[in-house]
Amino acid sequence: MSDARLVAFTERGVITIGTIQVGSVLDAVNVTQFGKEVLDHVNTHAGVNLLLDFHSVEYLSSAVLTELLRINQACKDAGGGLRLCALNKDISKVFEITNLDKMFVIYGPVDEAVLRYARSLAIQAEEQAWSHVRKDT
């Protein structure tokens, strides 16, 4: 395992962006490191709304799909969520073929993704507030 970080985390409002740093990062050799870095972040930031940014990623091994499923569950368990963005055509195709495009919310470019994710969280909070009002009346 390399000492170099594979994912850089930055905060943009209520969203945490996990930018995957290198194009060939997600091969069989370092997929474990990728999973560990992201899961460590999720486990130390309860309720994190994580947006994984794939704009630099050119290759995706099938082992990464398993890691993404684990990360998705960890985010849910911690009271947060996971969204993906900026997948290239080849990686998008992998998600389509495996039907994982139905399991994950996938956005386009990162700036648009942050806006859409934040908006979906605002709508979700509004819906929860309305459901409490309806119960109280």
N, C-alpha and C. Protein backbone atom coordinates (compact mmCIF):
# COMPACT_ATOMS: atom_id res chain seq x y z
N MET A 1 0.83 -1.17 0.00
CA MET A 1 0.00 0.00 0.00
C MET A 1 0.88 1.24 0.00
N SER A 2 0.49 2.21 -0.79
CA SER A 2 1.25 3.44 -0.92
C SER A 2 0.97 4.37 0.25
N ASP A 3 1.94 5.25 0.55
CA ASP A 3 1.73 6.27 1.56
C ASP A 3 0.95 7.45 1.01
N ALA A 4 0.95 7.62 -0.32
CA ALA A 4 0.23 8.72 -0.94
C ALA A 4 -1.27 8.51 -0.82
N ARG A 5 -1.99 9.59 -0.51
CA ARG A 5 -3.44 9.52 -0.39
C ARG A 5 -4.05 9.39 -1.78
N LEU A 6 -5.03 8.51 -1.89
CA LEU A 6 -5.72 8.31 -3.17
C LEU A 6 -6.94 9.21 -3.30
N VAL A 7 -7.48 9.66 -2.17
CA VAL A 7 -8.68 10.48 -2.16
C VAL A 7 -8.44 11.72 -1.31
N ALA A 8 -8.77 12.88 -1.87
CA ALA A 8 -8.68 14.14 -1.14
C ALA A 8 -10.09 14.59 -0.78
N PHE A 9 -10.32 14.92 0.48
CA PHE A 9 -11.64 15.31 0.95
C PHE A 9 -11.70 16.82 1.16
N THR A 10 -12.74 17.45 0.62
CA THR A 10 -12.97 18.87 0.81
C THR A 10 -14.45 19.08 1.13
N GLU A 11 -14.71 20.13 1.89
CA GLU A 11 -16.09 20.45 2.28
C GLU A 11 -16.63 21.55 1.37
N ARG A 12 -17.85 21.35 0.88
CA ARG A 12 -18.56 22.39 0.14
C ARG A 12 -19.97 22.45 0.72
N GLY A 13 -20.12 23.28 1.74
CA GLY A 13 -21.40 23.37 2.43
C GLY A 13 -21.69 22.07 3.15
N VAL A 14 -22.86 21.49 2.88
CA VAL A 14 -23.26 20.25 3.54
C VAL A 14 -22.72 19.00 2.84
N ILE A 15 -21.97 19.21 1.75
CA ILE A 15 -21.44 18.12 0.94
C ILE A 15 -19.94 17.97 1.19
N THR A 16 -19.49 16.73 1.33
CA THR A 16 -18.06 16.42 1.37
C THR A 16 -17.69 15.80 0.03
N ILE A 17 -16.77 16.43 -0.67
CA ILE A 17 -16.32 15.90 -1.96
C ILE A 17 -15.08 15.06 -1.72
N GLY A 18 -15.12 13.82 -2.19
CA GLY A 18 -13.96 12.94 -2.15
C GLY A 18 -13.42 12.84 -3.56
N THR A 19 -12.38 13.58 -3.86
CA THR A 19 -11.82 13.60 -5.20
C THR A 19 -10.76 12.52 -5.33
N ILE A 20 -11.00 11.61 -6.24
CA ILE A 20 -10.04 10.54 -6.48
C ILE A 20 -8.90 11.14 -7.29
N GLN A 21 -7.67 10.99 -6.79
CA GLN A 21 -6.53 11.79 -7.24
C GLN A 21 -5.87 11.36 -8.55
N VAL A 22 -5.89 10.09 -8.89
CA VAL A 22 -5.11 9.62 -10.03
C VAL A 22 -5.97 8.78 -10.97
N GLY A 23 -5.70 8.87 -12.25
CA GLY A 23 -6.49 8.16 -13.25
C GLY A 23 -6.43 6.65 -13.17
N SER A 24 -5.31 6.11 -12.78
CA SER A 24 -5.17 4.66 -12.72
C SER A 24 -5.25 4.15 -11.28
N VAL A 25 -5.83 4.94 -10.42
CA VAL A 25 -5.85 4.61 -9.00
C VAL A 25 -6.68 3.37 -8.69
N LEU A 26 -7.71 3.09 -9.45
CA LEU A 26 -8.64 2.04 -9.06
C LEU A 26 -8.35 0.72 -9.77
N ASP A 27 -7.15 0.23 -9.62
CA ASP A 27 -6.83 -1.08 -10.14
C ASP A 27 -6.75 -2.05 -8.96
N ALA A 28 -6.52 -3.31 -9.25
CA ALA A 28 -6.55 -4.34 -8.21
C ALA A 28 -5.51 -4.09 -7.12
N VAL A 29 -4.42 -3.42 -7.47
CA VAL A 29 -3.32 -3.22 -6.52
C VAL A 29 -3.73 -2.28 -5.39
N ASN A 30 -4.44 -1.21 -5.69
CA ASN A 30 -4.71 -0.24 -4.65
C ASN A 30 -6.19 -0.01 -4.32
N VAL A 31 -7.05 -0.89 -4.80
CA VAL A 31 -8.47 -0.76 -4.48
C VAL A 31 -8.71 -0.87 -2.98
N THR A 32 -7.93 -1.67 -2.30
CA THR A 32 -8.06 -1.82 -0.85
C THR A 32 -7.74 -0.51 -0.16
N GLN A 33 -6.69 0.16 -0.61
CA GLN A 33 -6.32 1.45 -0.02
C GLN A 33 -7.44 2.47 -0.25
N PHE A 34 -7.99 2.49 -1.46
CA PHE A 34 -9.11 3.39 -1.77
C PHE A 34 -10.26 3.16 -0.77
N GLY A 35 -10.68 1.92 -0.63
CA GLY A 35 -11.77 1.59 0.27
C GLY A 35 -11.47 1.99 1.70
N LYS A 36 -10.26 1.72 2.14
CA LYS A 36 -9.88 2.05 3.52
C LYS A 36 -9.91 3.55 3.76
N GLU A 37 -9.36 4.32 2.84
CA GLU A 37 -9.35 5.78 3.00
C GLU A 37 -10.77 6.34 3.10
N VAL A 38 -11.63 5.91 2.19
CA VAL A 38 -12.99 6.44 2.18
C VAL A 38 -13.76 5.97 3.41
N LEU A 39 -13.66 4.68 3.73
CA LEU A 39 -14.38 4.17 4.91
C LEU A 39 -13.88 4.82 6.20
N ASP A 40 -12.57 5.07 6.30
CA ASP A 40 -12.04 5.76 7.48
C ASP A 40 -12.67 7.15 7.60
N HIS A 41 -12.79 7.84 6.49
CA HIS A 41 -13.40 9.18 6.51
C HIS A 41 -14.87 9.10 6.92
N VAL A 42 -15.60 8.18 6.33
CA VAL A 42 -17.02 8.01 6.64
C VAL A 42 -17.20 7.66 8.12
N ASN A 43 -16.37 6.76 8.62
CA ASN A 43 -16.49 6.30 10.01
C ASN A 43 -16.11 7.36 11.04
N THR A 44 -15.36 8.36 10.62
CA THR A 44 -14.99 9.44 11.55
C THR A 44 -15.80 10.72 11.32
N HIS A 45 -16.75 10.68 10.39
CA HIS A 45 -17.59 11.84 10.10
C HIS A 45 -19.05 11.39 10.00
N ALA A 46 -19.66 11.16 11.14
CA ALA A 46 -21.05 10.68 11.16
C ALA A 46 -21.96 11.62 10.36
N GLY A 47 -22.86 11.02 9.60
CA GLY A 47 -23.82 11.80 8.83
C GLY A 47 -23.25 12.45 7.58
N VAL A 48 -22.08 12.01 7.15
CA VAL A 48 -21.43 12.63 5.99
C VAL A 48 -22.27 12.43 4.72
N ASN A 49 -22.40 13.50 3.96
CA ASN A 49 -23.02 13.47 2.63
C ASN A 49 -21.88 13.48 1.63
N LEU A 50 -21.47 12.31 1.21
CA LEU A 50 -20.25 12.14 0.43
C LEU A 50 -20.54 12.11 -1.06
N LEU A 51 -19.79 12.91 -1.80
CA LEU A 51 -19.85 12.94 -3.26
C LEU A 51 -18.48 12.51 -3.76
N LEU A 52 -18.41 11.30 -4.35
CA LEU A 52 -17.13 10.83 -4.89
C LEU A 52 -16.97 11.34 -6.32
N ASP A 53 -15.89 12.07 -6.54
CA ASP A 53 -15.60 12.71 -7.82
C ASP A 53 -14.63 11.84 -8.62
N PHE A 54 -15.11 11.30 -9.74
CA PHE A 54 -14.34 10.39 -10.58
C PHE A 54 -13.73 11.07 -11.80
N HIS A 55 -13.67 12.39 -11.84
CA HIS A 55 -13.27 13.06 -13.08
C HIS A 55 -11.88 12.67 -13.57
N SER A 56 -10.99 12.26 -12.70
CA SER A 56 -9.64 11.87 -13.11
C SER A 56 -9.50 10.38 -13.37
N VAL A 57 -10.52 9.60 -13.08
CA VAL A 57 -10.43 8.14 -13.15
C VAL A 57 -10.68 7.66 -14.57
N GLU A 58 -9.72 6.90 -15.08
CA GLU A 58 -9.84 6.35 -16.43
C GLU A 58 -10.15 4.86 -16.41
N TYR A 59 -9.79 4.19 -15.33
CA TYR A 59 -9.96 2.74 -15.25
C TYR A 59 -10.64 2.38 -13.94
N LEU A 60 -11.54 1.42 -14.00
CA LEU A 60 -12.27 0.98 -12.83
C LEU A 60 -12.32 -0.54 -12.83
N SER A 61 -11.70 -1.16 -11.83
CA SER A 61 -11.76 -2.62 -11.75
C SER A 61 -13.06 -3.04 -11.08
N SER A 62 -13.46 -4.27 -11.28
CA SER A 62 -14.70 -4.76 -10.68
C SER A 62 -14.61 -4.77 -9.16
N ALA A 63 -13.41 -4.88 -8.61
CA ALA A 63 -13.25 -4.87 -7.16
C ALA A 63 -13.68 -3.53 -6.56
N VAL A 64 -13.59 -2.46 -7.33
CA VAL A 64 -14.00 -1.15 -6.86
C VAL A 64 -15.50 -1.12 -6.63
N LEU A 65 -16.24 -1.84 -7.45
CA LEU A 65 -17.69 -1.87 -7.30
C LEU A 65 -18.08 -2.41 -5.93
N THR A 66 -17.39 -3.44 -5.49
CA THR A 66 -17.63 -4.00 -4.16
C THR A 66 -17.31 -2.96 -3.09
N GLU A 67 -16.20 -2.24 -3.25
CA GLU A 67 -15.84 -1.20 -2.29
C GLU A 67 -16.90 -0.10 -2.26
N LEU A 68 -17.41 0.28 -3.42
CA LEU A 68 -18.44 1.32 -3.46
C LEU A 68 -19.72 0.87 -2.76
N LEU A 69 -20.06 -0.40 -2.89
CA LEU A 69 -21.23 -0.92 -2.18
C LEU A 69 -21.01 -0.85 -0.66
N ARG A 70 -19.80 -1.20 -0.22
CA ARG A 70 -19.47 -1.12 1.20
C ARG A 70 -19.52 0.32 1.70
N ILE A 71 -18.98 1.23 0.91
CA ILE A 71 -18.97 2.65 1.26
C ILE A 71 -20.39 3.19 1.33
N ASN A 72 -21.21 2.81 0.36
CA ASN A 72 -22.61 3.23 0.33
C ASN A 72 -23.32 2.80 1.61
N GLN A 73 -23.13 1.55 2.01
CA GLN A 73 -23.78 1.04 3.22
C GLN A 73 -23.25 1.75 4.45
N ALA A 74 -21.96 2.00 4.50
CA ALA A 74 -21.37 2.70 5.65
C ALA A 74 -21.93 4.12 5.77
N CYS A 75 -22.10 4.80 4.63
CA CYS A 75 -22.68 6.15 4.65
C CYS A 75 -24.10 6.11 5.20
N LYS A 76 -24.89 5.15 4.73
CA LYS A 76 -26.27 5.02 5.21
C LYS A 76 -26.30 4.71 6.70
N ASP A 77 -25.45 3.77 7.12
CA ASP A 77 -25.40 3.38 8.52
C ASP A 77 -25.01 4.56 9.42
N ALA A 78 -24.21 5.48 8.88
CA ALA A 78 -23.75 6.64 9.65
C ALA A 78 -24.73 7.81 9.56
N GLY A 79 -25.87 7.60 8.89
CA GLY A 79 -26.87 8.65 8.78
C GLY A 79 -26.63 9.64 7.67
N GLY A 80 -25.79 9.27 6.72
CA GLY A 80 -25.49 10.15 5.59
C GLY A 80 -25.87 9.51 4.28
N GLY A 81 -25.14 9.89 3.23
CA GLY A 81 -25.42 9.33 1.92
C GLY A 81 -24.20 9.39 1.03
N LEU A 82 -24.30 8.70 -0.10
CA LEU A 82 -23.22 8.65 -1.08
C LEU A 82 -23.80 8.94 -2.45
N ARG A 83 -23.13 9.79 -3.19
CA ARG A 83 -23.45 10.06 -4.58
C ARG A 83 -22.13 10.02 -5.36
N LEU A 84 -22.22 9.77 -6.64
CA LEU A 84 -21.04 9.71 -7.51
C LEU A 84 -21.18 10.79 -8.58
N CYS A 85 -20.04 11.26 -9.09
CA CYS A 85 -20.12 12.24 -10.17
C CYS A 85 -18.91 12.14 -11.09
N ALA A 86 -19.10 12.74 -12.27
CA ALA A 86 -18.04 12.93 -13.27
C ALA A 86 -17.42 11.62 -13.76
N LEU A 87 -18.26 10.60 -13.97
CA LEU A 87 -17.79 9.34 -14.52
C LEU A 87 -17.61 9.49 -16.03
N ASN A 88 -16.53 8.93 -16.56
CA ASN A 88 -16.36 8.97 -18.02
C ASN A 88 -17.31 7.95 -18.67
N LYS A 89 -17.35 7.94 -20.00
CA LYS A 89 -18.29 7.06 -20.72
C LYS A 89 -18.06 5.59 -20.41
N ASP A 90 -16.81 5.17 -20.37
CA ASP A 90 -16.50 3.76 -20.12
C ASP A 90 -16.93 3.33 -18.73
N ILE A 91 -16.67 4.16 -17.74
CA ILE A 91 -17.05 3.82 -16.37
C ILE A 91 -18.57 3.85 -16.22
N SER A 92 -19.21 4.82 -16.85
CA SER A 92 -20.68 4.87 -16.84
C SER A 92 -21.26 3.60 -17.41
N LYS A 93 -20.64 3.09 -18.47
CA LYS A 93 -21.11 1.86 -19.11
C LYS A 93 -21.02 0.67 -18.15
N VAL A 94 -19.95 0.61 -17.36
CA VAL A 94 -19.80 -0.46 -16.35
C VAL A 94 -20.97 -0.41 -15.37
N PHE A 95 -21.32 0.78 -14.94
CA PHE A 95 -22.45 0.92 -14.00
C PHE A 95 -23.76 0.49 -14.66
N GLU A 96 -23.93 0.81 -15.92
CA GLU A 96 -25.15 0.40 -16.63
C GLU A 96 -25.22 -1.11 -16.79
N ILE A 97 -24.14 -1.72 -17.22
CA ILE A 97 -24.10 -3.16 -17.46
C ILE A 97 -24.38 -3.95 -16.18
N THR A 98 -23.86 -3.45 -15.06
CA THR A 98 -24.04 -4.14 -13.78
C THR A 98 -25.32 -3.71 -13.05
N ASN A 99 -26.07 -2.81 -13.65
CA ASN A 99 -27.29 -2.24 -13.05
C ASN A 99 -27.02 -1.44 -11.78
N LEU A 100 -25.77 -1.10 -11.53
CA LEU A 100 -25.46 -0.29 -10.36
C LEU A 100 -25.84 1.17 -10.57
N ASP A 101 -26.14 1.53 -11.81
CA ASP A 101 -26.63 2.89 -12.06
C ASP A 101 -28.01 3.09 -11.45
N LYS A 102 -28.66 1.99 -11.10
CA LYS A 102 -29.97 2.06 -10.44
C LYS A 102 -29.81 2.13 -8.91
N MET A 103 -28.66 1.70 -8.42
CA MET A 103 -28.41 1.71 -6.98
C MET A 103 -27.79 3.03 -6.53
N PHE A 104 -26.95 3.61 -7.36
CA PHE A 104 -26.26 4.85 -7.02
C PHE A 104 -26.88 6.03 -7.77
N VAL A 105 -26.92 7.17 -7.10
CA VAL A 105 -27.27 8.41 -7.79
C VAL A 105 -25.97 8.91 -8.41
N ILE A 106 -26.01 9.12 -9.72
CA ILE A 106 -24.81 9.53 -10.45
C ILE A 106 -25.09 10.86 -11.15
N TYR A 107 -24.24 11.83 -10.88
CA TYR A 107 -24.37 13.16 -11.46
C TYR A 107 -23.27 13.39 -12.49
N GLY A 108 -23.39 14.50 -13.21
CA GLY A 108 -22.39 14.92 -14.18
C GLY A 108 -21.21 15.59 -13.50
N PRO A 109 -20.78 16.74 -14.05
CA PRO A 109 -19.61 17.45 -13.51
C PRO A 109 -19.78 17.83 -12.04
N VAL A 110 -18.66 17.96 -11.34
CA VAL A 110 -18.68 18.13 -9.89
C VAL A 110 -19.45 19.37 -9.44
N ASP A 111 -19.30 20.51 -10.11
CA ASP A 111 -20.00 21.71 -9.66
C ASP A 111 -21.51 21.53 -9.75
N GLU A 112 -21.97 20.95 -10.83
CA GLU A 112 -23.40 20.65 -10.97
C GLU A 112 -23.83 19.61 -9.93
N ALA A 113 -22.98 18.63 -9.70
CA ALA A 113 -23.29 17.56 -8.74
C ALA A 113 -23.48 18.11 -7.33
N VAL A 114 -22.63 19.04 -6.93
CA VAL A 114 -22.74 19.63 -5.59
C VAL A 114 -24.08 20.35 -5.45
N LEU A 115 -24.46 21.12 -6.47
CA LEU A 115 -25.74 21.84 -6.43
C LEU A 115 -26.92 20.89 -6.37
N ARG A 116 -26.88 19.85 -7.20
CA ARG A 116 -28.00 18.91 -7.24
C ARG A 116 -28.10 18.09 -5.96
N TYR A 117 -26.96 17.68 -5.42
CA TYR A 117 -26.95 16.91 -4.17
C TYR A 117 -27.48 17.78 -3.03
N ALA A 118 -26.99 19.01 -2.93
CA ALA A 118 -27.45 19.91 -1.87
C ALA A 118 -28.95 20.16 -2.01
N ARG A 119 -29.43 20.32 -3.22
CA ARG A 119 -30.87 20.54 -3.44
C ARG A 119 -31.67 19.31 -3.02
N SER A 120 -31.18 18.11 -3.34
CA SER A 120 -31.90 16.90 -2.95
C SER A 120 -31.95 16.76 -1.43
N LEU A 121 -30.88 17.17 -0.75
CA LEU A 121 -30.88 17.13 0.72
C LEU A 121 -31.87 18.14 1.29
N ALA A 122 -31.95 19.31 0.67
CA ALA A 122 -32.90 20.33 1.13
C ALA A 122 -34.33 19.84 0.95
N ILE A 123 -34.62 19.21 -0.18
CA ILE A 123 -35.96 18.67 -0.43
C ILE A 123 -36.28 17.57 0.58
N GLN A 124 -35.31 16.71 0.84
CA GLN A 124 -35.50 15.63 1.82
C GLN A 124 -35.80 16.21 3.20
N ALA A 125 -35.08 17.23 3.62
CA ALA A 125 -35.32 17.87 4.92
C ALA A 125 -36.70 18.51 4.96
N GLU A 126 -37.09 19.13 3.86
CA GLU A 126 -38.41 19.75 3.78
C GLU A 126 -39.52 18.70 3.89
N GLU A 127 -39.34 17.58 3.20
CA GLU A 127 -40.32 16.49 3.27
C GLU A 127 -40.43 15.94 4.70
N GLN A 128 -39.30 15.79 5.36
CA GLN A 128 -39.32 15.31 6.74
C GLN A 128 -40.03 16.30 7.66
N ALA A 129 -39.80 17.59 7.44
CA ALA A 129 -40.47 18.60 8.25
C ALA A 129 -41.98 18.55 8.03
N TRP A 130 -42.40 18.39 6.79
CA TRP A 130 -43.83 18.31 6.49
C TRP A 130 -44.46 17.06 7.09
N SER A 131 -43.72 15.96 7.07
CA SER A 131 -44.29 14.73 7.63
C SER A 131 -44.51 14.88 9.14
N HIS A 132 -43.63 15.64 9.82
CA HIS A 132 -43.82 15.89 11.26
C HIS A 132 -45.02 16.81 11.51
N VAL A 133 -45.22 17.79 10.63
CA VAL A 133 -46.36 18.70 10.76
C VAL A 133 -47.66 17.91 10.60
N ARG A 134 -47.71 17.02 9.61
CA ARG A 134 -48.91 16.23 9.37
C ARG A 134 -49.23 15.31 10.55
N LYS A 135 -48.19 14.78 11.18
CA LYS A 135 -48.39 13.89 12.34
C LYS A 135 -48.92 14.67 13.53
N ASP A 136 -48.52 15.93 13.65
CA ASP A 136 -48.89 16.76 14.80
C ASP A 136 -50.33 17.30 14.69
N THR A 137 -50.89 17.31 13.49
CA THR A 137 -52.23 17.88 13.33
C THR A 137 -53.32 16.85 13.45
